Amino acid sequence: MAQAQYTSMYDLLEAIKDAIRTADFEKRSALASALDRYAEDNARDFFWVTGPQSPALLHHIVLAIDLACRPDAERRQGRTIHLVHRKPEGHS
């Protein structure tokens, strides 16, 4: 019996990116526009999905779709996280 080949999350992501990249320009543009509108209308949800708190597969799928549907020059910039050092309050 032949052993089944293991399919990883990265194999899935490559297949999604390849499918989007081979689609015609109008479909990729429509997908990019839909992602932009969703990010504007549901910013909290979109940035949670693409941020470090989301489940790994969901995070990677959305970013793979976002990156594959637009040219390099139009890629969305990630959010900047600023760490602030604060003095402890009280008698700590």
PDB file of N, CA and C in Angstrom:
ATOM      1  N   MET A   1       0.846  -1.171   0.000  1.00  0.00           N
ATOM      2  CA  MET A   1       0.000   0.000   0.000  1.00  0.00           C
ATOM      3  C   MET A   1       0.892   1.235   0.000  1.00  0.00           C
ATOM      4  N   ALA A   2       0.563   2.182  -0.869  1.00  0.00           N
ATOM      5  CA  ALA A   2       1.339   3.410  -0.971  1.00  0.00           C
ATOM      6  C   ALA A   2       1.034   4.319   0.206  1.00  0.00           C
ATOM      7  N   GLN A   3       2.078   4.924   0.719  1.00  0.00           N
ATOM      8  CA  GLN A   3       1.915   5.830   1.853  1.00  0.00           C
ATOM      9  C   GLN A   3       1.425   7.182   1.347  1.00  0.00           C
ATOM     10  N   ALA A   4       0.412   7.722   1.992  1.00  0.00           N
ATOM     11  CA  ALA A   4      -0.115   9.032   1.605  1.00  0.00           C
ATOM     12  C   ALA A   4       0.902  10.106   1.957  1.00  0.00           C
ATOM     13  N   GLN A   5       1.012  11.093   1.091  1.00  0.00           N
ATOM     14  CA  GLN A   5       1.945  12.190   1.341  1.00  0.00           C
ATOM     15  C   GLN A   5       1.299  13.183   2.295  1.00  0.00           C
ATOM     16  N   TYR A   6       2.048  13.613   3.270  1.00  0.00           N
ATOM     17  CA  TYR A   6       1.565  14.571   4.263  1.00  0.00           C
ATOM     18  C   TYR A   6       1.419  15.952   3.622  1.00  0.00           C
ATOM     19  N   THR A   7       0.296  16.601   3.863  1.00  0.00           N
ATOM     20  CA  THR A   7       0.051  17.956   3.372  1.00  0.00           C
ATOM     21  C   THR A   7       0.084  18.901   4.559  1.00  0.00           C
ATOM     22  N   SER A   8       1.029  19.806   4.546  1.00  0.00           N
ATOM     23  CA  SER A   8       1.173  20.747   5.662  1.00  0.00           C
ATOM     24  C   SER A   8       0.370  22.023   5.408  1.00  0.00           C
ATOM     25  N   MET A   9       0.326  22.852   6.418  1.00  0.00           N
ATOM     26  CA  MET A   9      -0.309  24.152   6.302  1.00  0.00           C
ATOM     27  C   MET A   9       0.359  24.963   5.188  1.00  0.00           C
ATOM     28  N   TYR A  10       1.661  24.816   5.047  1.00  0.00           N
ATOM     29  CA  TYR A  10       2.397  25.576   4.045  1.00  0.00           C
ATOM     30  C   TYR A  10       2.088  25.090   2.628  1.00  0.00           C
ATOM     31  N   ASP A  11       1.809  23.795   2.469  1.00  0.00           N
ATOM     32  CA  ASP A  11       1.361  23.288   1.167  1.00  0.00           C
ATOM     33  C   ASP A  11       0.018  23.907   0.796  1.00  0.00           C
ATOM     34  N   LEU A  12      -0.883  23.988   1.767  1.00  0.00           N
ATOM     35  CA  LEU A  12      -2.187  24.609   1.547  1.00  0.00           C
ATOM     36  C   LEU A  12      -2.036  26.072   1.168  1.00  0.00           C
ATOM     37  N   LEU A  13      -1.189  26.789   1.889  1.00  0.00           N
ATOM     38  CA  LEU A  13      -0.988  28.212   1.612  1.00  0.00           C
ATOM     39  C   LEU A  13      -0.404  28.433   0.220  1.00  0.00           C
ATOM     40  N   GLU A  14       0.542  27.612  -0.181  1.00  0.00           N
ATOM     41  CA  GLU A  14       1.123  27.739  -1.521  1.00  0.00           C
ATOM     42  C   GLU A  14       0.064  27.484  -2.586  1.00  0.00           C
ATOM     43  N   ALA A  15      -0.812  26.511  -2.362  1.00  0.00           N
ATOM     44  CA  ALA A  15      -1.868  26.224  -3.329  1.00  0.00           C
ATOM     45  C   ALA A  15      -2.833  27.396  -3.449  1.00  0.00           C
ATOM     46  N   ILE A  16      -3.168  28.024  -2.325  1.00  0.00           N
ATOM     47  CA  ILE A  16      -4.053  29.195  -2.345  1.00  0.00           C
ATOM     48  C   ILE A  16      -3.385  30.341  -3.096  1.00  0.00           C
ATOM     49  N   LYS A  17      -2.125  30.614  -2.778  1.00  0.00           N
ATOM     50  CA  LYS A  17      -1.411  31.699  -3.460  1.00  0.00           C
ATOM     51  C   LYS A  17      -1.290  31.435  -4.955  1.00  0.00           C
ATOM     52  N   ASP A  18      -0.975  30.198  -5.329  1.00  0.00           N
ATOM     53  CA  ASP A  18      -0.856  29.862  -6.752  1.00  0.00           C
ATOM     54  C   ASP A  18      -2.182  30.037  -7.478  1.00  0.00           C
ATOM     55  N   ALA A  19      -3.283  29.632  -6.836  1.00  0.00           N
ATOM     56  CA  ALA A  19      -4.597  29.766  -7.462  1.00  0.00           C
ATOM     57  C   ALA A  19      -4.958  31.233  -7.672  1.00  0.00           C
ATOM     58  N   ILE A  20      -4.645  32.065  -6.706  1.00  0.00           N
ATOM     59  CA  ILE A  20      -4.951  33.495  -6.830  1.00  0.00           C
ATOM     60  C   ILE A  20      -4.044  34.155  -7.859  1.00  0.00           C
ATOM     61  N   ARG A  21      -2.773  33.836  -7.827  1.00  0.00           N
ATOM     62  CA  ARG A  21      -1.824  34.453  -8.761  1.00  0.00           C
ATOM     63  C   ARG A  21      -2.114  34.101 -10.215  1.00  0.00           C
ATOM     64  N   THR A  22      -2.694  32.932 -10.459  1.00  0.00           N
ATOM     65  CA  THR A  22      -2.994  32.539 -11.835  1.00  0.00           C
ATOM     66  C   THR A  22      -4.355  33.037 -12.303  1.00  0.00           C
ATOM     67  N   ALA A  23      -5.142  33.618 -11.402  1.00  0.00           N
ATOM     68  CA  ALA A  23      -6.429  34.199 -11.792  1.00  0.00           C
ATOM     69  C   ALA A  23      -6.179  35.468 -12.602  1.00  0.00           C
ATOM     70  N   ASP A  24      -7.162  35.870 -13.399  1.00  0.00           N
ATOM     71  CA  ASP A  24      -6.966  37.077 -14.212  1.00  0.00           C
ATOM     72  C   ASP A  24      -6.928  38.327 -13.326  1.00  0.00           C
ATOM     73  N   PHE A  25      -6.375  39.387 -13.889  1.00  0.00           N
ATOM     74  CA  PHE A  25      -6.122  40.624 -13.143  1.00  0.00           C
ATOM     75  C   PHE A  25      -7.404  41.197 -12.527  1.00  0.00           C
ATOM     76  N   GLU A  26      -8.512  41.165 -13.250  1.00  0.00           N
ATOM     77  CA  GLU A  26      -9.756  41.740 -12.736  1.00  0.00           C
ATOM     78  C   GLU A  26     -10.238  41.010 -11.485  1.00  0.00           C
ATOM     79  N   LYS A  27     -10.120  39.689 -11.474  1.00  0.00           N
ATOM     80  CA  LYS A  27     -10.545  38.923 -10.298  1.00  0.00           C
ATOM     81  C   LYS A  27      -9.635  39.188  -9.107  1.00  0.00           C
ATOM     82  N   ARG A  28      -8.332  39.279  -9.351  1.00  0.00           N
ATOM     83  CA  ARG A  28      -7.408  39.602  -8.257  1.00  0.00           C
ATOM     84  C   ARG A  28      -7.676  41.000  -7.722  1.00  0.00           C
ATOM     85  N   SER A  29      -7.940  41.950  -8.611  1.00  0.00           N
ATOM     86  CA  SER A  29      -8.246  43.322  -8.183  1.00  0.00           C
ATOM     87  C   SER A  29      -9.533  43.371  -7.377  1.00  0.00           C
ATOM     88  N   ALA A  30     -10.539  42.609  -7.814  1.00  0.00           N
ATOM     89  CA  ALA A  30     -11.802  42.566  -7.071  1.00  0.00           C
ATOM     90  C   ALA A  30     -11.597  41.982  -5.676  1.00  0.00           C
ATOM     91  N   LEU A  31     -10.778  40.955  -5.572  1.00  0.00           N
ATOM     92  CA  LEU A  31     -10.489  40.365  -4.270  1.00  0.00           C
ATOM     93  C   LEU A  31      -9.726  41.347  -3.389  1.00  0.00           C
ATOM     94  N   ALA A  32      -8.741  42.035  -3.953  1.00  0.00           N
ATOM     95  CA  ALA A  32      -7.984  43.031  -3.186  1.00  0.00           C
ATOM     96  C   ALA A  32      -8.899  44.149  -2.704  1.00  0.00           C
ATOM     97  N   SER A  33      -9.814  44.595  -3.562  1.00  0.00           N
ATOM     98  CA  SER A  33     -10.759  45.653  -3.176  1.00  0.00           C
ATOM     99  C   SER A  33     -11.694  45.174  -2.066  1.00  0.00           C
ATOM    100  N   ALA A  34     -12.149  43.937  -2.166  1.00  0.00           N
ATOM    101  CA  ALA A  34     -13.021  43.389  -1.123  1.00  0.00           C
ATOM    102  C   ALA A  34     -12.279  43.308   0.207  1.00  0.00           C
ATOM    103  N   LEU A  35     -11.021  42.895   0.186  1.00  0.00           N
ATOM    104  CA  LEU A  35     -10.232  42.857   1.419  1.00  0.00           C
ATOM    105  C   LEU A  35     -10.036  44.257   1.989  1.00  0.00           C
ATOM    106  N   ASP A  36      -9.778  45.225   1.117  1.00  0.00           N
ATOM    107  CA  ASP A  36      -9.616  46.607   1.580  1.00  0.00           C
ATOM    108  C   ASP A  36     -10.894  47.134   2.218  1.00  0.00           C
ATOM    109  N   ARG A  37     -12.030  46.887   1.569  1.00  0.00           N
ATOM    110  CA  ARG A  37     -13.310  47.350   2.132  1.00  0.00           C
ATOM    111  C   ARG A  37     -13.597  46.664   3.464  1.00  0.00           C
ATOM    112  N   TYR A  38     -13.321  45.364   3.535  1.00  0.00           N
ATOM    113  CA  TYR A  38     -13.537  44.646   4.788  1.00  0.00           C
ATOM    114  C   TYR A  38     -12.627  45.206   5.889  1.00  0.00           C
ATOM    115  N   ALA A  39     -11.378  45.487   5.537  1.00  0.00           N
ATOM    116  CA  ALA A  39     -10.438  46.043   6.525  1.00  0.00           C
ATOM    117  C   ALA A  39     -10.901  47.413   7.008  1.00  0.00           C
ATOM    118  N   GLU A  40     -11.480  48.212   6.115  1.00  0.00           N
ATOM    119  CA  GLU A  40     -11.970  49.535   6.506  1.00  0.00           C
ATOM    120  C   GLU A  40     -13.253  49.437   7.329  1.00  0.00           C
ATOM    121  N   ASP A  41     -14.173  48.573   6.915  1.00  0.00           N
ATOM    122  CA  ASP A  41     -15.473  48.461   7.585  1.00  0.00           C
ATOM    123  C   ASP A  41     -15.413  47.650   8.872  1.00  0.00           C
ATOM    124  N   ASN A  42     -14.451  46.740   8.973  1.00  0.00           N
ATOM    125  CA  ASN A  42     -14.325  45.851  10.129  1.00  0.00           C
ATOM    126  C   ASN A  42     -12.865  45.807  10.578  1.00  0.00           C
ATOM    127  N   ALA A  43     -12.322  46.962  10.850  1.00  0.00           N
ATOM    128  CA  ALA A  43     -10.887  47.069  11.149  1.00  0.00           C
ATOM    129  C   ALA A  43     -10.476  46.176  12.316  1.00  0.00           C
ATOM    130  N   ARG A  44     -11.251  46.161  13.370  1.00  0.00           N
ATOM    131  CA  ARG A  44     -10.894  45.362  14.546  1.00  0.00           C
ATOM    132  C   ARG A  44     -10.800  43.881  14.181  1.00  0.00           C
ATOM    133  N   ASP A  45     -11.795  43.375  13.464  1.00  0.00           N
ATOM    134  CA  ASP A  45     -11.787  41.964  13.061  1.00  0.00           C
ATOM    135  C   ASP A  45     -10.641  41.664  12.108  1.00  0.00           C
ATOM    136  N   PHE A  46     -10.449  42.527  11.103  1.00  0.00           N
ATOM    137  CA  PHE A  46      -9.403  42.278  10.110  1.00  0.00           C
ATOM    138  C   PHE A  46      -8.027  42.260  10.760  1.00  0.00           C
ATOM    139  N   PHE A  47      -7.740  43.224  11.607  1.00  0.00           N
ATOM    140  CA  PHE A  47      -6.420  43.285  12.207  1.00  0.00           C
ATOM    141  C   PHE A  47      -6.235  42.239  13.302  1.00  0.00           C
ATOM    142  N   TRP A  48      -7.330  41.734  13.879  1.00  0.00           N
ATOM    143  CA  TRP A  48      -7.204  40.594  14.780  1.00  0.00           C
ATOM    144  C   TRP A  48      -6.824  39.353  13.977  1.00  0.00           C
ATOM    145  N   VAL A  49      -7.503  39.146  12.840  1.00  0.00           N
ATOM    146  CA  VAL A  49      -7.239  37.979  11.995  1.00  0.00           C
ATOM    147  C   VAL A  49      -5.805  37.983  11.478  1.00  0.00           C
ATOM    148  N   THR A  50      -5.278  39.145  11.146  1.00  0.00           N
ATOM    149  CA  THR A  50      -3.927  39.221  10.597  1.00  0.00           C
ATOM    150  C   THR A  50      -2.878  39.501  11.669  1.00  0.00           C
ATOM    151  N   GLY A  51      -3.280  39.531  12.919  1.00  0.00           N
ATOM    152  CA  GLY A  51      -2.363  39.826  14.016  1.00  0.00           C
ATOM    153  C   GLY A  51      -1.892  38.579  14.742  1.00  0.00           C
ATOM    154  N   PRO A  52      -1.073  38.770  15.747  1.00  0.00           N
ATOM    155  CA  PRO A  52      -0.454  37.643  16.448  1.00  0.00           C
ATOM    156  C   PRO A  52      -1.401  36.842  17.333  1.00  0.00           C
ATOM    157  N   GLN A  53      -2.598  37.353  17.642  1.00  0.00           N
ATOM    158  CA  GLN A  53      -3.521  36.642  18.517  1.00  0.00           C
ATOM    159  C   GLN A  53      -4.420  35.662  17.780  1.00  0.00           C
ATOM    160  N   SER A  54      -4.468  35.734  16.460  1.00  0.00           N
ATOM    161  CA  SER A  54      -5.361  34.848  15.714  1.00  0.00           C
ATOM    162  C   SER A  54      -4.783  33.441  15.625  1.00  0.00           C
ATOM    163  N   PRO A  55      -5.643  32.452  15.384  1.00  0.00           N
ATOM    164  CA  PRO A  55      -5.128  31.095  15.168  1.00  0.00           C
ATOM    165  C   PRO A  55      -4.188  31.080  13.965  1.00  0.00           C
ATOM    166  N   ALA A  56      -3.156  30.297  14.028  1.00  0.00           N
ATOM    167  CA  ALA A  56      -2.092  30.319  13.018  1.00  0.00           C
ATOM    168  C   ALA A  56      -2.597  30.098  11.602  1.00  0.00           C
ATOM    169  N   LEU A  57      -3.436  29.097  11.384  1.00  0.00           N
ATOM    170  CA  LEU A  57      -3.879  28.814  10.024  1.00  0.00           C
ATOM    171  C   LEU A  57      -4.709  29.964   9.470  1.00  0.00           C
ATOM    172  N   LEU A  58      -5.619  30.508  10.257  1.00  0.00           N
ATOM    173  CA  LEU A  58      -6.438  31.634   9.811  1.00  0.00           C
ATOM    174  C   LEU A  58      -5.556  32.825   9.461  1.00  0.00           C
ATOM    175  N   HIS A  59      -4.625  33.132  10.311  1.00  0.00           N
ATOM    176  CA  HIS A  59      -3.686  34.243  10.093  1.00  0.00           C
ATOM    177  C   HIS A  59      -2.948  34.070   8.768  1.00  0.00           C
ATOM    178  N   HIS A  60      -2.393  32.886   8.555  1.00  0.00           N
ATOM    179  CA  HIS A  60      -1.614  32.642   7.342  1.00  0.00           C
ATOM    180  C   HIS A  60      -2.487  32.630   6.084  1.00  0.00           C
ATOM    181  N   ILE A  61      -3.692  32.100   6.173  1.00  0.00           N
ATOM    182  CA  ILE A  61      -4.570  32.064   5.000  1.00  0.00           C
ATOM    183  C   ILE A  61      -4.954  33.471   4.563  1.00  0.00           C
ATOM    184  N   VAL A  62      -5.375  34.295   5.503  1.00  0.00           N
ATOM    185  CA  VAL A  62      -5.784  35.655   5.138  1.00  0.00           C
ATOM    186  C   VAL A  62      -4.607  36.448   4.583  1.00  0.00           C
ATOM    187  N   LEU A  63      -3.446  36.333   5.194  1.00  0.00           N
ATOM    188  CA  LEU A  63      -2.277  37.046   4.675  1.00  0.00           C
ATOM    189  C   LEU A  63      -1.855  36.512   3.308  1.00  0.00           C
ATOM    190  N   ALA A  64      -1.948  35.198   3.093  1.00  0.00           N
ATOM    191  CA  ALA A  64      -1.597  34.632   1.787  1.00  0.00           C
ATOM    192  C   ALA A  64      -2.526  35.165   0.707  1.00  0.00           C
ATOM    193  N   ILE A  65      -3.806  35.244   1.019  1.00  0.00           N
ATOM    194  CA  ILE A  65      -4.773  35.778   0.059  1.00  0.00           C
ATOM    195  C   ILE A  65      -4.491  37.252  -0.202  1.00  0.00           C
ATOM    196  N   ASP A  66      -4.277  38.005   0.864  1.00  0.00           N
ATOM    197  CA  ASP A  66      -4.029  39.442   0.731  1.00  0.00           C
ATOM    198  C   ASP A  66      -2.777  39.716  -0.101  1.00  0.00           C
ATOM    199  N   LEU A  67      -1.713  38.973   0.133  1.00  0.00           N
ATOM    200  CA  LEU A  67      -0.463  39.203  -0.592  1.00  0.00           C
ATOM    201  C   LEU A  67      -0.531  38.711  -2.034  1.00  0.00           C
ATOM    202  N   ALA A  68      -1.264  37.642  -2.275  1.00  0.00           N
ATOM    203  CA  ALA A  68      -1.302  37.064  -3.618  1.00  0.00           C
ATOM    204  C   ALA A  68      -2.178  37.847  -4.586  1.00  0.00           C
ATOM    205  N   CYS A  69      -3.132  38.606  -4.085  1.00  0.00           N
ATOM    206  CA  CYS A  69      -4.085  39.253  -4.991  1.00  0.00           C
ATOM    207  C   CYS A  69      -3.680  40.655  -5.412  1.00  0.00           C
ATOM    208  N   ARG A  70      -2.577  41.172  -4.901  1.00  0.00           N
ATOM    209  CA  ARG A  70      -2.185  42.535  -5.278  1.00  0.00           C
ATOM    210  C   ARG A  70      -0.698  42.590  -5.629  1.00  0.00           C
ATOM    211  N   PRO A  71      -0.325  43.528  -6.497  1.00  0.00           N
ATOM    212  CA  PRO A  71       1.096  43.685  -6.836  1.00  0.00           C
ATOM    213  C   PRO A  71       1.904  44.100  -5.608  1.00  0.00           C
ATOM    214  N   ASP A  72       3.204  43.878  -5.671  1.00  0.00           N
ATOM    215  CA  ASP A  72       4.076  44.214  -4.541  1.00  0.00           C
ATOM    216  C   ASP A  72       3.925  45.662  -4.090  1.00  0.00           C
ATOM    217  N   ALA A  73       3.754  46.583  -5.024  1.00  0.00           N
ATOM    218  CA  ALA A  73       3.679  48.007  -4.692  1.00  0.00           C
ATOM    219  C   ALA A  73       2.421  48.351  -3.898  1.00  0.00           C
ATOM    220  N   GLU A  74       1.389  47.517  -3.972  1.00  0.00           N
ATOM    221  CA  GLU A  74       0.127  47.820  -3.292  1.00  0.00           C
ATOM    222  C   GLU A  74      -0.066  46.999  -2.024  1.00  0.00           C
ATOM    223  N   ARG A  75       0.937  46.295  -1.589  1.00  0.00           N
ATOM    224  CA  ARG A  75       0.780  45.429  -0.418  1.00  0.00           C
ATOM    225  C   ARG A  75       0.495  46.250   0.825  1.00  0.00           C
ATOM    226  N   ARG A  76      -0.417  45.712   1.630  1.00  0.00           N
ATOM    227  CA  ARG A  76      -0.826  46.366   2.871  1.00  0.00           C
ATOM    228  C   ARG A  76       0.318  46.304   3.875  1.00  0.00           C
ATOM    229  N   GLN A  77       0.567  47.404   4.532  1.00  0.00           N
ATOM    230  CA  GLN A  77       1.595  47.447   5.559  1.00  0.00           C
ATOM    231  C   GLN A  77       1.005  46.951   6.872  1.00  0.00           C
ATOM    232  N   GLY A  78       1.768  46.189   7.603  1.00  0.00           N
ATOM    233  CA  GLY A  78       1.304  45.678   8.891  1.00  0.00           C
ATOM    234  C   GLY A  78       1.199  46.783   9.920  1.00  0.00           C
ATOM    235  N   ARG A  79       0.503  46.487  10.971  1.00  0.00           N
ATOM    236  CA  ARG A  79       0.376  47.464  12.038  1.00  0.00           C
ATOM    237  C   ARG A  79       1.672  47.540  12.818  1.00  0.00           C
ATOM    238  N   THR A  80       1.936  48.713  13.357  1.00  0.00           N
ATOM    239  CA  THR A  80       3.105  48.912  14.191  1.00  0.00           C
ATOM    240  C   THR A  80       2.684  48.781  15.641  1.00  0.00           C
ATOM    241  N   ILE A  81       3.421  47.984  16.381  1.00  0.00           N
ATOM    242  CA  ILE A  81       3.135  47.794  17.798  1.00  0.00           C
ATOM    243  C   ILE A  81       4.183  48.564  18.581  1.00  0.00           C
ATOM    244  N   HIS A  82       3.725  49.464  19.426  1.00  0.00           N
ATOM    245  CA  HIS A  82       4.635  50.263  20.238  1.00  0.00           C
ATOM    246  C   HIS A  82       4.584  49.741  21.672  1.00  0.00           C
ATOM    247  N   LEU A  83       5.740  49.427  22.216  1.00  0.00           N
ATOM    248  CA  LEU A  83       5.827  49.001  23.605  1.00  0.00           C
ATOM    249  C   LEU A  83       6.199  50.208  24.449  1.00  0.00           C
ATOM    250  N   VAL A  84       5.451  50.411  25.502  1.00  0.00           N
ATOM    251  CA  VAL A  84       5.671  51.570  26.357  1.00  0.00           C
ATOM    252  C   VAL A  84       6.042  51.080  27.749  1.00  0.00           C
ATOM    253  N   HIS A  85       7.147  51.579  28.259  1.00  0.00           N
ATOM    254  CA  HIS A  85       7.548  51.234  29.615  1.00  0.00           C
ATOM    255  C   HIS A  85       6.864  52.193  30.585  1.00  0.00           C
ATOM    256  N   ARG A  86       6.125  51.631  31.518  1.00  0.00           N
ATOM    257  CA  ARG A  86       5.421  52.449  32.506  1.00  0.00           C
ATOM    258  C   ARG A  86       5.900  52.095  33.883  1.00  0.00           C
ATOM    259  N   LYS A  87       5.929  53.096  34.753  1.00  0.00           N
ATOM    260  CA  LYS A  87       6.291  52.868  36.139  1.00  0.00           C
ATOM    261  C   LYS A  87       5.154  52.124  36.810  1.00  0.00           C
ATOM    262  N   PRO A  88       5.475  51.161  37.677  1.00  0.00           N
ATOM    263  CA  PRO A  88       4.416  50.454  38.392  1.00  0.00           C
ATOM    264  C   PRO A  88       3.650  51.392  39.319  1.00  0.00           C
ATOM    265  N   GLU A  89       2.358  51.124  39.418  1.00  0.00           N
ATOM    266  CA  GLU A  89       1.527  51.949  40.303  1.00  0.00           C
ATOM    267  C   GLU A  89       1.452  51.304  41.673  1.00  0.00           C
ATOM    268  N   GLY A  90       1.222  52.107  42.679  1.00  0.00           N
ATOM    269  CA  GLY A  90       1.061  51.582  44.026  1.00  0.00           C
ATOM    270  C   GLY A  90       2.382  51.278  44.690  1.00  0.00           C
ATOM    271  N   HIS A  91       2.334  50.289  45.582  1.00  0.00           N
ATOM    272  CA  HIS A  91       3.502  49.935  46.384  1.00  0.00           C
ATOM    273  C   HIS A  91       4.095  48.616  45.927  1.00  0.00           C
ATOM    274  N   SER A  92       4.277  48.429  44.669  1.00  0.00           N
ATOM    275  CA  SER A  92       4.781  47.149  44.159  1.00  0.00           C
ATOM    276  C   SER A  92       6.252  47.014  44.373  1.00  0.00           C
TER     277      SER A  92
END
